[in-house]
């Protein structure tokens, strides 16, 4: 393994697209690409971003160092690609589950449950999102612009749907309501990551939605 990895390091690093690419055809995807992303999230969750090396990620993914550079230019790019991939999976699941109802209140509940359930199932991703990402203003700004904005827009759209249908009060500012929902879920995840107790994070979704809807629902 050591000789293979050293040989990989001697190769010139290609310049892939900003979010990584497949080494054979220039597109993202493939088993090695997926393994590198999963390994990066696991290693960074365990060691912290600054203490993690590309060689650590390569070891965990069972690939040569040079193979990592066929897909990514830097450790920073691997991290952002891993987070992007996680959010893309979240959006796919959200789209599928939200299609089951037209009621905005039910959609908010589905979204909250999904948010907490997926992170409950992937503690490494939760650690990276709640701790490592926030140690860099640059990473956080990039991630917020690319992923969090889309998430906020989705929540706001659901709230506006409820207002149009008459189930949510029209005077409720959708931007503030979206910030309240995300902020509550985000804090619950942070507390869970930092806690020494083992408990079901997803069980907190319904109480949060009940509390939020208590202040937003239209009343006769």
N, C-alpha and C. Protein backbone atom coordinates (compact mmCIF):
# COMPACT_ATOMS: atom_id res chain seq x y z
N UNK A 1 0.83 -1.21 0.00
CA UNK A 1 0.00 0.00 0.00
C UNK A 1 0.87 1.26 0.00
N UNK A 2 1.97 1.23 0.78
CA UNK A 2 2.83 2.40 0.87
C UNK A 2 3.46 2.75 -0.46
N UNK A 3 3.93 1.72 -1.22
CA UNK A 3 4.55 2.00 -2.50
C UNK A 3 3.55 2.55 -3.50
N UNK A 4 2.34 2.00 -3.51
CA UNK A 4 1.30 2.48 -4.42
C UNK A 4 0.95 3.92 -4.15
N UNK A 5 0.84 4.26 -2.88
CA UNK A 5 0.45 5.61 -2.50
C UNK A 5 1.56 6.60 -2.83
N UNK A 6 2.82 6.20 -2.65
CA UNK A 6 3.92 7.11 -2.96
C UNK A 6 3.96 7.39 -4.45
N UNK A 7 3.70 6.36 -5.25
CA UNK A 7 3.71 6.54 -6.70
C UNK A 7 2.61 7.49 -7.11
N UNK A 8 1.48 7.39 -6.41
CA UNK A 8 0.37 8.29 -6.72
C UNK A 8 0.73 9.73 -6.45
N UNK A 9 1.52 9.97 -5.44
CA UNK A 9 1.87 11.34 -5.08
C UNK A 9 2.78 11.98 -6.12
N UNK A 10 3.51 11.17 -6.86
CA UNK A 10 4.46 11.73 -7.80
C UNK A 10 3.81 12.24 -9.07
N UNK A 11 2.53 11.90 -9.27
CA UNK A 11 1.85 12.34 -10.47
C UNK A 11 1.43 13.79 -10.36
N UNK A 12 1.33 14.44 -11.52
CA UNK A 12 0.86 15.82 -11.54
C UNK A 12 -0.63 15.86 -11.22
N UNK A 13 -1.03 16.78 -10.39
CA UNK A 13 -2.43 16.89 -10.01
C UNK A 13 -3.23 17.53 -11.14
N UNK A 14 -4.29 16.84 -11.63
CA UNK A 14 -5.15 17.46 -12.62
C UNK A 14 -5.97 18.56 -11.98
N UNK A 15 -6.55 19.42 -12.77
CA UNK A 15 -7.38 20.50 -12.26
C UNK A 15 -8.84 20.25 -12.51
N UNK A 16 -9.58 19.51 -11.62
CA UNK A 16 -10.98 19.21 -11.82
C UNK A 16 -11.85 20.42 -11.58
N UNK A 17 -13.13 20.27 -11.86
CA UNK A 17 -14.09 21.34 -11.60
C UNK A 17 -14.16 21.58 -10.10
N UNK A 18 -14.73 22.71 -9.70
CA UNK A 18 -14.68 23.12 -8.30
C UNK A 18 -15.31 22.11 -7.35
N UNK A 19 -16.26 21.31 -7.82
CA UNK A 19 -16.92 20.39 -6.91
C UNK A 19 -16.48 18.96 -7.14
N UNK A 20 -15.40 18.72 -7.85
CA UNK A 20 -14.89 17.38 -8.07
C UNK A 20 -15.48 16.78 -9.33
N UNK A 21 -14.78 15.75 -9.86
CA UNK A 21 -15.27 15.11 -11.07
C UNK A 21 -14.87 13.65 -11.09
N UNK A 22 -15.47 12.91 -11.97
CA UNK A 22 -15.10 11.53 -12.17
C UNK A 22 -13.81 11.48 -12.98
N UNK A 23 -12.86 10.68 -12.56
CA UNK A 23 -11.56 10.68 -13.21
C UNK A 23 -11.61 10.18 -14.65
N UNK A 24 -12.58 9.33 -14.98
CA UNK A 24 -12.60 8.74 -16.30
C UNK A 24 -13.38 9.55 -17.32
N UNK A 25 -14.48 10.20 -16.89
CA UNK A 25 -15.29 10.89 -17.88
C UNK A 25 -15.62 12.33 -17.54
N UNK A 26 -15.02 12.86 -16.46
CA UNK A 26 -15.22 14.26 -16.13
C UNK A 26 -16.51 14.55 -15.40
N UNK A 27 -17.30 13.55 -15.06
CA UNK A 27 -18.54 13.77 -14.32
C UNK A 27 -18.40 13.25 -12.92
N UNK A 28 -19.22 13.77 -12.02
CA UNK A 28 -19.19 13.30 -10.65
C UNK A 28 -19.90 11.95 -10.57
N UNK A 29 -19.50 11.12 -9.61
CA UNK A 29 -20.11 9.83 -9.42
C UNK A 29 -19.06 8.74 -9.46
N UNK A 30 -19.49 7.50 -9.27
CA UNK A 30 -18.57 6.39 -9.28
C UNK A 30 -18.22 5.94 -7.88
N UNK A 31 -17.81 4.69 -7.77
CA UNK A 31 -17.56 4.08 -6.47
C UNK A 31 -16.42 4.77 -5.72
N UNK A 32 -15.31 5.02 -6.40
CA UNK A 32 -14.18 5.66 -5.71
C UNK A 32 -14.53 7.07 -5.26
N UNK A 33 -15.22 7.80 -6.12
CA UNK A 33 -15.65 9.16 -5.75
C UNK A 33 -16.49 9.13 -4.49
N UNK A 34 -17.46 8.22 -4.45
CA UNK A 34 -18.34 8.10 -3.28
C UNK A 34 -17.57 7.70 -2.04
N UNK A 35 -16.64 6.75 -2.20
CA UNK A 35 -15.84 6.32 -1.06
C UNK A 35 -14.98 7.45 -0.51
N UNK A 36 -14.43 8.26 -1.39
CA UNK A 36 -13.61 9.39 -0.95
C UNK A 36 -14.46 10.40 -0.16
N UNK A 37 -15.65 10.69 -0.66
CA UNK A 37 -16.53 11.64 0.05
C UNK A 37 -16.92 11.10 1.42
N UNK A 38 -17.32 9.83 1.47
CA UNK A 38 -17.72 9.24 2.75
C UNK A 38 -16.54 9.21 3.72
N UNK A 39 -15.37 8.86 3.19
CA UNK A 39 -14.18 8.81 4.03
C UNK A 39 -13.82 10.19 4.55
N UNK A 40 -13.95 11.21 3.72
CA UNK A 40 -13.62 12.58 4.14
C UNK A 40 -14.50 13.02 5.30
N UNK A 41 -15.80 12.78 5.19
CA UNK A 41 -16.72 13.17 6.26
C UNK A 41 -16.37 12.44 7.55
N UNK A 42 -16.06 11.14 7.45
CA UNK A 42 -15.73 10.36 8.64
C UNK A 42 -14.43 10.83 9.28
N UNK A 43 -13.41 11.05 8.47
CA UNK A 43 -12.10 11.46 9.00
C UNK A 43 -12.18 12.85 9.62
N UNK A 44 -12.84 13.77 8.93
CA UNK A 44 -12.94 15.14 9.45
C UNK A 44 -13.78 15.18 10.73
N UNK A 45 -14.81 14.35 10.81
CA UNK A 45 -15.62 14.28 12.03
C UNK A 45 -14.78 13.78 13.20
N UNK A 46 -13.88 12.85 12.94
CA UNK A 46 -13.05 12.27 14.00
C UNK A 46 -11.87 13.16 14.40
N UNK A 47 -11.19 13.73 13.41
CA UNK A 47 -9.94 14.44 13.68
C UNK A 47 -10.05 15.95 13.62
N UNK A 48 -11.13 16.46 13.04
CA UNK A 48 -11.23 17.88 12.80
C UNK A 48 -10.64 18.20 11.44
N UNK A 49 -11.13 19.26 10.80
CA UNK A 49 -10.69 19.58 9.45
C UNK A 49 -9.20 19.86 9.39
N UNK A 50 -8.70 20.69 10.29
CA UNK A 50 -7.31 21.12 10.22
C UNK A 50 -6.32 20.02 10.54
N UNK A 51 -6.75 19.02 11.31
CA UNK A 51 -5.87 17.90 11.66
C UNK A 51 -5.99 16.73 10.69
N UNK A 52 -6.90 16.83 9.75
CA UNK A 52 -7.08 15.76 8.77
C UNK A 52 -6.20 16.01 7.56
N UNK A 53 -5.60 14.95 7.05
CA UNK A 53 -4.75 15.06 5.86
C UNK A 53 -5.41 14.31 4.70
N UNK A 54 -5.06 14.70 3.50
CA UNK A 54 -5.56 13.98 2.33
C UNK A 54 -5.16 12.51 2.41
N UNK A 55 -3.97 12.24 2.92
CA UNK A 55 -3.52 10.85 3.05
C UNK A 55 -4.41 10.06 4.02
N UNK A 56 -4.93 10.74 5.08
CA UNK A 56 -5.86 10.07 6.00
C UNK A 56 -7.15 9.68 5.27
N UNK A 57 -7.63 10.59 4.45
CA UNK A 57 -8.85 10.34 3.69
C UNK A 57 -8.62 9.21 2.69
N UNK A 58 -7.47 9.24 2.03
CA UNK A 58 -7.14 8.18 1.08
C UNK A 58 -7.08 6.81 1.77
N UNK A 59 -6.45 6.77 2.94
CA UNK A 59 -6.37 5.52 3.71
C UNK A 59 -7.76 4.99 4.02
N UNK A 60 -8.63 5.87 4.50
CA UNK A 60 -9.98 5.45 4.89
C UNK A 60 -10.78 4.98 3.67
N UNK A 61 -10.56 5.61 2.53
CA UNK A 61 -11.28 5.24 1.30
C UNK A 61 -10.63 4.06 0.59
N UNK A 62 -9.44 3.64 1.08
CA UNK A 62 -8.69 2.55 0.47
C UNK A 62 -8.31 2.86 -0.97
N UNK A 63 -7.80 4.07 -1.18
CA UNK A 63 -7.29 4.47 -2.49
C UNK A 63 -5.93 5.13 -2.29
N UNK A 64 -5.18 5.29 -3.36
CA UNK A 64 -3.89 5.99 -3.29
C UNK A 64 -4.12 7.49 -3.17
N UNK A 65 -3.15 8.20 -2.60
CA UNK A 65 -3.25 9.66 -2.50
C UNK A 65 -3.49 10.28 -3.88
N UNK A 66 -2.76 9.77 -4.86
CA UNK A 66 -2.88 10.32 -6.20
C UNK A 66 -4.27 10.16 -6.78
N UNK A 67 -4.97 9.10 -6.38
CA UNK A 67 -6.33 8.90 -6.85
C UNK A 67 -7.25 10.01 -6.36
N UNK A 68 -7.03 10.44 -5.12
CA UNK A 68 -7.85 11.54 -4.57
C UNK A 68 -7.68 12.78 -5.45
N UNK A 69 -6.44 13.05 -5.88
CA UNK A 69 -6.19 14.25 -6.67
C UNK A 69 -6.70 14.14 -8.11
N UNK A 70 -7.08 12.95 -8.52
CA UNK A 70 -7.74 12.82 -9.81
C UNK A 70 -9.15 13.40 -9.77
N UNK A 71 -9.73 13.43 -8.56
CA UNK A 71 -11.10 13.92 -8.39
C UNK A 71 -11.16 15.32 -7.78
N UNK A 72 -10.21 15.65 -6.94
CA UNK A 72 -10.27 16.90 -6.18
C UNK A 72 -8.91 17.59 -6.16
N UNK A 73 -8.95 18.92 -6.12
CA UNK A 73 -7.73 19.70 -6.07
C UNK A 73 -7.19 19.87 -4.66
N UNK A 74 -8.08 19.77 -3.65
CA UNK A 74 -7.66 20.08 -2.29
C UNK A 74 -8.59 19.43 -1.27
N UNK A 75 -8.12 19.43 -0.03
CA UNK A 75 -8.94 18.93 1.07
C UNK A 75 -10.21 19.77 1.23
N UNK A 76 -10.09 21.07 1.02
CA UNK A 76 -11.24 21.97 1.11
C UNK A 76 -12.32 21.58 0.11
N UNK A 77 -11.89 21.26 -1.10
CA UNK A 77 -12.85 20.89 -2.14
C UNK A 77 -13.54 19.57 -1.81
N UNK A 78 -12.81 18.64 -1.23
CA UNK A 78 -13.42 17.37 -0.83
C UNK A 78 -14.52 17.62 0.19
N UNK A 79 -14.22 18.47 1.18
CA UNK A 79 -15.20 18.76 2.21
C UNK A 79 -16.47 19.36 1.62
N UNK A 80 -16.33 20.36 0.77
CA UNK A 80 -17.51 21.01 0.19
C UNK A 80 -18.28 20.05 -0.70
N UNK A 81 -17.58 19.19 -1.43
CA UNK A 81 -18.27 18.22 -2.27
C UNK A 81 -19.03 17.21 -1.42
N UNK A 82 -18.46 16.82 -0.28
CA UNK A 82 -19.14 15.91 0.63
C UNK A 82 -20.41 16.51 1.20
N UNK A 83 -20.33 17.78 1.58
CA UNK A 83 -21.51 18.46 2.12
C UNK A 83 -22.56 18.67 1.04
N UNK A 84 -22.11 19.04 -0.16
CA UNK A 84 -23.04 19.20 -1.28
C UNK A 84 -23.78 17.89 -1.55
N UNK A 85 -23.05 16.81 -1.54
CA UNK A 85 -23.64 15.50 -1.81
C UNK A 85 -24.69 15.15 -0.76
N UNK A 86 -24.38 15.46 0.50
CA UNK A 86 -25.34 15.20 1.57
C UNK A 86 -26.61 15.99 1.40
N UNK A 87 -26.48 17.27 1.01
CA UNK A 87 -27.67 18.09 0.82
C UNK A 87 -28.46 17.68 -0.41
N UNK A 88 -27.76 17.25 -1.45
CA UNK A 88 -28.47 16.77 -2.63
C UNK A 88 -29.34 15.56 -2.29
N UNK A 89 -28.80 14.66 -1.46
CA UNK A 89 -29.57 13.50 -1.03
C UNK A 89 -30.77 13.93 -0.19
N UNK A 90 -30.56 14.93 0.67
CA UNK A 90 -31.65 15.45 1.49
C UNK A 90 -32.76 16.03 0.61
N UNK A 91 -32.39 16.83 -0.38
CA UNK A 91 -33.39 17.44 -1.26
C UNK A 91 -34.17 16.39 -2.05
N UNK A 92 -33.49 15.35 -2.49
CA UNK A 92 -34.18 14.28 -3.22
C UNK A 92 -35.23 13.62 -2.33
N UNK A 93 -34.85 13.29 -1.10
CA UNK A 93 -35.79 12.67 -0.18
C UNK A 93 -36.92 13.62 0.16
N UNK A 94 -36.59 14.88 0.37
CA UNK A 94 -37.62 15.87 0.71
C UNK A 94 -38.64 15.99 -0.41
N UNK A 95 -38.17 16.05 -1.65
CA UNK A 95 -39.09 16.17 -2.78
C UNK A 95 -40.04 14.99 -2.84
N UNK A 96 -39.51 13.79 -2.61
CA UNK A 96 -40.34 12.59 -2.63
C UNK A 96 -41.39 12.61 -1.52
N UNK A 97 -40.96 12.95 -0.31
CA UNK A 97 -41.87 12.88 0.83
C UNK A 97 -42.88 14.03 0.83
N UNK A 98 -42.46 15.21 0.38
CA UNK A 98 -43.38 16.35 0.35
C UNK A 98 -44.48 16.17 -0.68
N UNK A 99 -44.22 15.33 -1.69
CA UNK A 99 -45.23 15.10 -2.74
C UNK A 99 -46.44 14.33 -2.21
N UNK A 100 -46.35 13.80 -1.00
CA UNK A 100 -47.44 12.99 -0.45
C UNK A 100 -48.59 13.82 0.10
N UNK A 101 -48.43 15.14 0.20
CA UNK A 101 -49.49 15.98 0.77
C UNK A 101 -49.47 17.37 0.14
N UNK A 102 -50.61 18.05 0.21
CA UNK A 102 -50.69 19.43 -0.25
C UNK A 102 -50.86 20.39 0.92
N UNK A 103 -50.95 19.85 2.12
CA UNK A 103 -51.15 20.68 3.32
C UNK A 103 -49.81 21.22 3.80
N UNK A 104 -49.70 22.53 3.90
CA UNK A 104 -48.43 23.16 4.27
C UNK A 104 -47.98 22.76 5.66
N UNK A 105 -48.91 22.62 6.59
CA UNK A 105 -48.55 22.25 7.96
C UNK A 105 -47.95 20.84 7.98
N UNK A 106 -48.53 19.95 7.20
CA UNK A 106 -47.99 18.59 7.12
C UNK A 106 -46.62 18.59 6.44
N UNK A 107 -46.43 19.46 5.45
CA UNK A 107 -45.14 19.55 4.77
C UNK A 107 -44.04 20.02 5.71
N UNK A 108 -44.35 21.00 6.56
CA UNK A 108 -43.36 21.48 7.52
C UNK A 108 -42.97 20.36 8.49
N UNK A 109 -43.95 19.56 8.88
CA UNK A 109 -43.69 18.46 9.79
C UNK A 109 -42.80 17.40 9.10
N UNK A 110 -43.10 17.11 7.85
CA UNK A 110 -42.30 16.15 7.08
C UNK A 110 -40.85 16.64 6.98
N UNK A 111 -40.69 17.92 6.69
CA UNK A 111 -39.35 18.48 6.52
C UNK A 111 -38.56 18.43 7.83
N UNK A 112 -39.20 18.77 8.93
CA UNK A 112 -38.52 18.75 10.22
C UNK A 112 -38.13 17.33 10.61
N UNK A 113 -39.04 16.39 10.40
CA UNK A 113 -38.73 15.00 10.71
C UNK A 113 -37.58 14.48 9.87
N UNK A 114 -37.59 14.82 8.58
CA UNK A 114 -36.53 14.35 7.69
C UNK A 114 -35.18 14.95 8.07
N UNK A 115 -35.16 16.24 8.36
CA UNK A 115 -33.94 16.95 8.76
C UNK A 115 -33.28 16.22 9.94
N UNK A 116 -34.05 15.98 10.98
CA UNK A 116 -33.49 15.37 12.18
C UNK A 116 -33.23 13.88 12.01
N UNK A 117 -34.07 13.21 11.25
CA UNK A 117 -33.89 11.76 11.06
C UNK A 117 -32.61 11.44 10.29
N UNK A 118 -32.36 12.17 9.22
CA UNK A 118 -31.17 11.88 8.41
C UNK A 118 -29.88 12.17 9.16
N UNK A 119 -29.86 13.24 9.94
CA UNK A 119 -28.66 13.53 10.73
C UNK A 119 -28.52 12.56 11.89
N UNK A 120 -29.64 12.10 12.44
CA UNK A 120 -29.61 11.10 13.49
C UNK A 120 -28.97 9.81 12.96
N UNK A 121 -29.17 9.54 11.66
CA UNK A 121 -28.63 8.34 11.03
C UNK A 121 -27.19 8.52 10.57
N UNK A 122 -26.72 9.74 10.52
CA UNK A 122 -25.35 10.00 10.03
C UNK A 122 -24.67 10.99 10.97
N UNK A 123 -24.18 10.48 12.07
CA UNK A 123 -23.59 11.34 13.09
C UNK A 123 -22.35 12.07 12.58
N UNK A 124 -21.57 11.41 11.73
CA UNK A 124 -20.38 12.06 11.19
C UNK A 124 -20.75 13.32 10.41
N UNK A 125 -21.78 13.23 9.58
CA UNK A 125 -22.23 14.40 8.83
C UNK A 125 -22.72 15.50 9.78
N UNK A 126 -23.43 15.09 10.81
CA UNK A 126 -23.92 16.07 11.78
C UNK A 126 -22.76 16.81 12.46
N UNK A 127 -21.72 16.08 12.84
CA UNK A 127 -20.57 16.69 13.49
C UNK A 127 -19.90 17.69 12.57
N UNK A 128 -19.71 17.30 11.31
CA UNK A 128 -19.05 18.20 10.36
C UNK A 128 -19.89 19.45 10.13
N UNK A 129 -21.19 19.28 9.97
CA UNK A 129 -22.07 20.42 9.74
C UNK A 129 -22.13 21.37 10.93
N UNK A 130 -22.22 20.81 12.11
CA UNK A 130 -22.46 21.64 13.30
C UNK A 130 -21.19 22.21 13.92
N UNK A 131 -20.05 21.60 13.66
CA UNK A 131 -18.82 22.07 14.31
C UNK A 131 -17.74 22.49 13.32
N UNK A 132 -17.33 21.56 12.46
CA UNK A 132 -16.18 21.85 11.58
C UNK A 132 -16.50 22.94 10.56
N UNK A 133 -17.67 22.89 9.97
CA UNK A 133 -18.03 23.88 8.95
C UNK A 133 -18.01 25.28 9.51
N UNK A 134 -18.38 25.44 10.75
CA UNK A 134 -18.55 26.76 11.34
C UNK A 134 -17.26 27.36 11.88
N UNK A 135 -16.17 26.62 11.78
CA UNK A 135 -14.88 27.17 12.20
C UNK A 135 -14.23 28.03 11.12
N UNK A 136 -14.82 28.00 9.93
CA UNK A 136 -14.27 28.79 8.82
C UNK A 136 -15.36 29.69 8.25
N UNK A 137 -15.13 30.99 8.33
CA UNK A 137 -16.10 31.93 7.78
C UNK A 137 -16.25 31.74 6.27
N UNK A 138 -15.16 31.39 5.62
CA UNK A 138 -15.18 31.17 4.18
C UNK A 138 -16.04 29.97 3.82
N UNK A 139 -15.83 28.84 4.50
CA UNK A 139 -16.62 27.64 4.24
C UNK A 139 -18.09 27.91 4.52
N UNK A 140 -18.35 28.54 5.66
CA UNK A 140 -19.74 28.78 6.06
C UNK A 140 -20.45 29.69 5.07
N UNK A 141 -19.76 30.72 4.61
CA UNK A 141 -20.37 31.64 3.64
C UNK A 141 -20.66 30.93 2.33
N UNK A 142 -19.72 30.10 1.87
CA UNK A 142 -19.91 29.37 0.62
C UNK A 142 -21.05 28.38 0.73
N UNK A 143 -21.08 27.66 1.84
CA UNK A 143 -22.13 26.66 2.06
C UNK A 143 -23.49 27.32 2.21
N UNK A 144 -23.53 28.44 2.91
CA UNK A 144 -24.79 29.15 3.11
C UNK A 144 -25.36 29.64 1.79
N UNK A 145 -24.50 30.16 0.94
CA UNK A 145 -24.96 30.68 -0.34
C UNK A 145 -25.43 29.57 -1.26
N UNK A 146 -24.74 28.42 -1.21
CA UNK A 146 -25.02 27.36 -2.16
C UNK A 146 -26.12 26.41 -1.69
N UNK A 147 -26.15 26.08 -0.40
CA UNK A 147 -27.08 25.07 0.09
C UNK A 147 -28.14 25.62 1.04
N UNK A 148 -27.72 26.38 2.05
CA UNK A 148 -28.68 26.84 3.05
C UNK A 148 -29.72 27.78 2.45
N UNK A 149 -29.32 28.59 1.49
CA UNK A 149 -30.28 29.50 0.86
C UNK A 149 -31.41 28.70 0.20
N UNK A 150 -31.05 27.61 -0.47
CA UNK A 150 -32.06 26.78 -1.10
C UNK A 150 -33.00 26.14 -0.08
N UNK A 151 -32.45 25.75 1.06
CA UNK A 151 -33.26 25.15 2.13
C UNK A 151 -34.22 26.19 2.71
N UNK A 152 -33.70 27.38 2.98
CA UNK A 152 -34.56 28.45 3.48
C UNK A 152 -35.66 28.78 2.48
N UNK A 153 -35.31 28.83 1.21
CA UNK A 153 -36.30 29.14 0.18
C UNK A 153 -37.41 28.09 0.15
N UNK A 154 -37.04 26.83 0.35
CA UNK A 154 -38.03 25.75 0.37
C UNK A 154 -38.99 25.93 1.54
N UNK A 155 -38.46 26.23 2.72
CA UNK A 155 -39.32 26.44 3.88
C UNK A 155 -40.24 27.63 3.66
N UNK A 156 -39.69 28.71 3.13
CA UNK A 156 -40.51 29.91 2.89
C UNK A 156 -41.61 29.64 1.87
N UNK A 157 -41.29 28.85 0.87
CA UNK A 157 -42.29 28.52 -0.15
C UNK A 157 -43.45 27.74 0.46
N UNK A 158 -43.14 26.79 1.36
CA UNK A 158 -44.19 26.02 2.01
C UNK A 158 -45.05 26.92 2.89
N UNK A 159 -44.42 27.83 3.60
CA UNK A 159 -45.19 28.76 4.46
C UNK A 159 -46.11 29.63 3.61
N UNK A 160 -45.62 30.11 2.49
CA UNK A 160 -46.46 30.94 1.61
C UNK A 160 -47.61 30.12 1.02
N UNK A 161 -47.36 28.83 0.76
CA UNK A 161 -48.44 27.96 0.29
C UNK A 161 -49.54 27.88 1.35
N UNK A 162 -49.12 27.75 2.61
CA UNK A 162 -50.10 27.69 3.70
C UNK A 162 -50.87 28.99 3.85
N UNK A 163 -50.19 30.09 3.65
CA UNK A 163 -50.87 31.39 3.73
C UNK A 163 -51.89 31.54 2.60
N UNK A 164 -51.52 31.09 1.41
CA UNK A 164 -52.44 31.17 0.28
C UNK A 164 -53.66 30.27 0.48
N UNK A 165 -53.45 29.13 1.17
CA UNK A 165 -54.54 28.18 1.40
C UNK A 165 -55.36 28.54 2.63
N UNK A 166 -54.87 29.49 3.43
CA UNK A 166 -55.61 29.91 4.62
C UNK A 166 -55.31 29.13 5.88
N UNK A 167 -54.33 28.24 5.84
CA UNK A 167 -53.99 27.45 7.03
C UNK A 167 -52.94 28.13 7.90
N UNK A 168 -52.21 29.08 7.33
CA UNK A 168 -51.21 29.85 8.08
C UNK A 168 -51.55 31.33 7.95
N UNK A 169 -51.45 32.06 9.04
CA UNK A 169 -51.84 33.47 9.05
C UNK A 169 -51.00 34.28 8.07
N UNK A 170 -51.67 35.12 7.31
CA UNK A 170 -51.01 35.89 6.25
C UNK A 170 -50.02 36.92 6.81
N UNK A 171 -50.24 37.37 8.03
CA UNK A 171 -49.37 38.41 8.58
C UNK A 171 -48.05 37.85 9.11
N UNK A 172 -47.91 36.53 9.14
CA UNK A 172 -46.66 35.93 9.60
C UNK A 172 -45.58 36.12 8.53
N UNK A 173 -44.47 36.78 8.85
CA UNK A 173 -43.38 36.94 7.86
C UNK A 173 -42.74 35.59 7.55
N UNK A 174 -42.80 35.17 6.30
CA UNK A 174 -42.29 33.85 5.95
C UNK A 174 -40.78 33.74 6.21
N UNK A 175 -40.06 34.84 6.03
CA UNK A 175 -38.62 34.81 6.25
C UNK A 175 -38.29 34.56 7.71
N UNK A 176 -39.00 35.23 8.61
CA UNK A 176 -38.76 35.05 10.04
C UNK A 176 -39.19 33.65 10.48
N UNK A 177 -40.33 33.20 9.98
CA UNK A 177 -40.82 31.87 10.35
C UNK A 177 -39.83 30.79 9.89
N UNK A 178 -39.28 30.93 8.69
CA UNK A 178 -38.30 29.97 8.19
C UNK A 178 -37.05 29.97 9.05
N UNK A 179 -36.61 31.15 9.46
CA UNK A 179 -35.42 31.26 10.31
C UNK A 179 -35.67 30.61 11.67
N UNK A 180 -36.87 30.78 12.19
CA UNK A 180 -37.22 30.18 13.49
C UNK A 180 -37.19 28.65 13.40
N UNK A 181 -37.77 28.11 12.32
CA UNK A 181 -37.80 26.66 12.17
C UNK A 181 -36.39 26.10 12.01
N UNK A 182 -35.63 26.68 11.08
CA UNK A 182 -34.28 26.17 10.87
C UNK A 182 -33.44 26.35 12.13
N UNK A 183 -33.55 27.50 12.77
CA UNK A 183 -32.77 27.76 13.97
C UNK A 183 -33.05 26.76 15.08
N UNK A 184 -34.33 26.40 15.25
CA UNK A 184 -34.69 25.43 16.28
C UNK A 184 -34.12 24.05 15.95
N UNK A 185 -34.27 23.62 14.70
CA UNK A 185 -33.74 22.32 14.30
C UNK A 185 -32.22 22.29 14.41
N UNK A 186 -31.59 23.36 13.99
CA UNK A 186 -30.13 23.46 14.02
C UNK A 186 -29.60 23.37 15.44
N UNK A 187 -30.26 24.05 16.36
CA UNK A 187 -29.83 24.01 17.76
C UNK A 187 -30.02 22.63 18.36
N UNK A 188 -31.11 21.95 17.99
CA UNK A 188 -31.34 20.60 18.48
C UNK A 188 -30.23 19.65 18.02
N UNK A 189 -29.79 19.81 16.77
CA UNK A 189 -28.72 18.95 16.24
C UNK A 189 -27.41 19.25 16.97
N UNK A 190 -27.12 20.52 17.18
CA UNK A 190 -25.89 20.88 17.89
C UNK A 190 -25.88 20.30 19.30
N UNK A 191 -26.99 20.41 20.02
CA UNK A 191 -27.08 19.86 21.37
C UNK A 191 -26.89 18.35 21.36
N UNK A 192 -27.45 17.69 20.35
CA UNK A 192 -27.33 16.23 20.23
C UNK A 192 -25.88 15.84 19.96
N UNK A 193 -25.21 16.57 19.08
CA UNK A 193 -23.81 16.28 18.75
C UNK A 193 -22.93 16.44 19.98
N UNK A 194 -23.19 17.45 20.78
CA UNK A 194 -22.34 17.75 21.93
C UNK A 194 -22.71 16.94 23.17
N UNK A 195 -23.87 16.31 23.15
CA UNK A 195 -24.35 15.59 24.33
C UNK A 195 -23.59 14.28 24.54
N UNK A 196 -23.44 13.89 25.80
CA UNK A 196 -22.84 12.60 26.13
C UNK A 196 -23.90 11.52 26.24
N UNK A 197 -25.17 11.92 26.14
CA UNK A 197 -26.27 10.95 26.21
C UNK A 197 -26.62 10.46 24.81
N UNK A 198 -27.09 9.22 24.74
CA UNK A 198 -27.54 8.65 23.47
C UNK A 198 -29.07 8.71 23.44
N UNK A 199 -29.62 9.53 22.57
CA UNK A 199 -31.08 9.64 22.48
C UNK A 199 -31.48 9.87 21.04
N UNK A 200 -32.77 9.69 20.78
CA UNK A 200 -33.31 9.78 19.43
C UNK A 200 -33.54 11.24 19.06
N UNK A 201 -32.68 11.77 18.22
CA UNK A 201 -32.79 13.16 17.80
C UNK A 201 -34.09 13.40 17.05
N UNK A 202 -34.50 12.46 16.22
CA UNK A 202 -35.68 12.64 15.37
C UNK A 202 -36.96 12.82 16.18
N UNK A 203 -36.97 12.35 17.42
CA UNK A 203 -38.16 12.47 18.25
C UNK A 203 -38.48 13.92 18.61
N UNK A 204 -37.55 14.81 18.41
CA UNK A 204 -37.76 16.22 18.76
C UNK A 204 -38.49 17.00 17.66
N UNK A 205 -38.66 16.39 16.49
CA UNK A 205 -39.25 17.12 15.36
C UNK A 205 -40.68 17.57 15.63
N UNK A 206 -41.52 16.68 16.10
CA UNK A 206 -42.93 17.03 16.30
C UNK A 206 -43.13 18.13 17.33
N UNK A 207 -42.46 18.08 18.48
CA UNK A 207 -42.62 19.19 19.43
C UNK A 207 -42.22 20.55 18.85
N UNK A 208 -41.17 20.57 18.03
CA UNK A 208 -40.75 21.83 17.40
C UNK A 208 -41.84 22.35 16.46
N UNK A 209 -42.38 21.47 15.64
CA UNK A 209 -43.42 21.88 14.70
C UNK A 209 -44.69 22.29 15.43
N UNK A 210 -45.04 21.56 16.49
CA UNK A 210 -46.23 21.93 17.27
C UNK A 210 -46.07 23.34 17.84
N UNK A 211 -44.89 23.63 18.34
CA UNK A 211 -44.63 24.95 18.91
C UNK A 211 -44.70 26.03 17.84
N UNK A 212 -44.08 25.77 16.69
CA UNK A 212 -44.06 26.74 15.61
C UNK A 212 -45.46 26.99 15.05
N UNK A 213 -46.19 25.91 14.80
CA UNK A 213 -47.53 26.06 14.24
C UNK A 213 -48.47 26.73 15.24
N UNK A 214 -48.19 26.56 16.53
CA UNK A 214 -49.03 27.22 17.53
C UNK A 214 -49.02 28.73 17.38
N UNK A 215 -47.93 29.27 16.82
CA UNK A 215 -47.87 30.70 16.62
C UNK A 215 -48.20 31.16 15.21
N UNK A 216 -48.38 30.19 14.28
CA UNK A 216 -48.59 30.55 12.89
C UNK A 216 -49.96 30.16 12.34
N UNK A 217 -50.57 29.14 12.91
CA UNK A 217 -51.80 28.63 12.32
C UNK A 217 -52.93 29.66 12.35
N UNK A 218 -53.69 29.68 11.28
CA UNK A 218 -54.86 30.55 11.24
C UNK A 218 -55.93 30.03 12.19
N UNK A 219 -56.58 30.93 12.88
CA UNK A 219 -57.62 30.55 13.83
C UNK A 219 -58.96 31.13 13.39
N UNK A 220 -60.04 30.36 13.62
CA UNK A 220 -61.35 30.85 13.21
C UNK A 220 -61.78 32.05 14.03
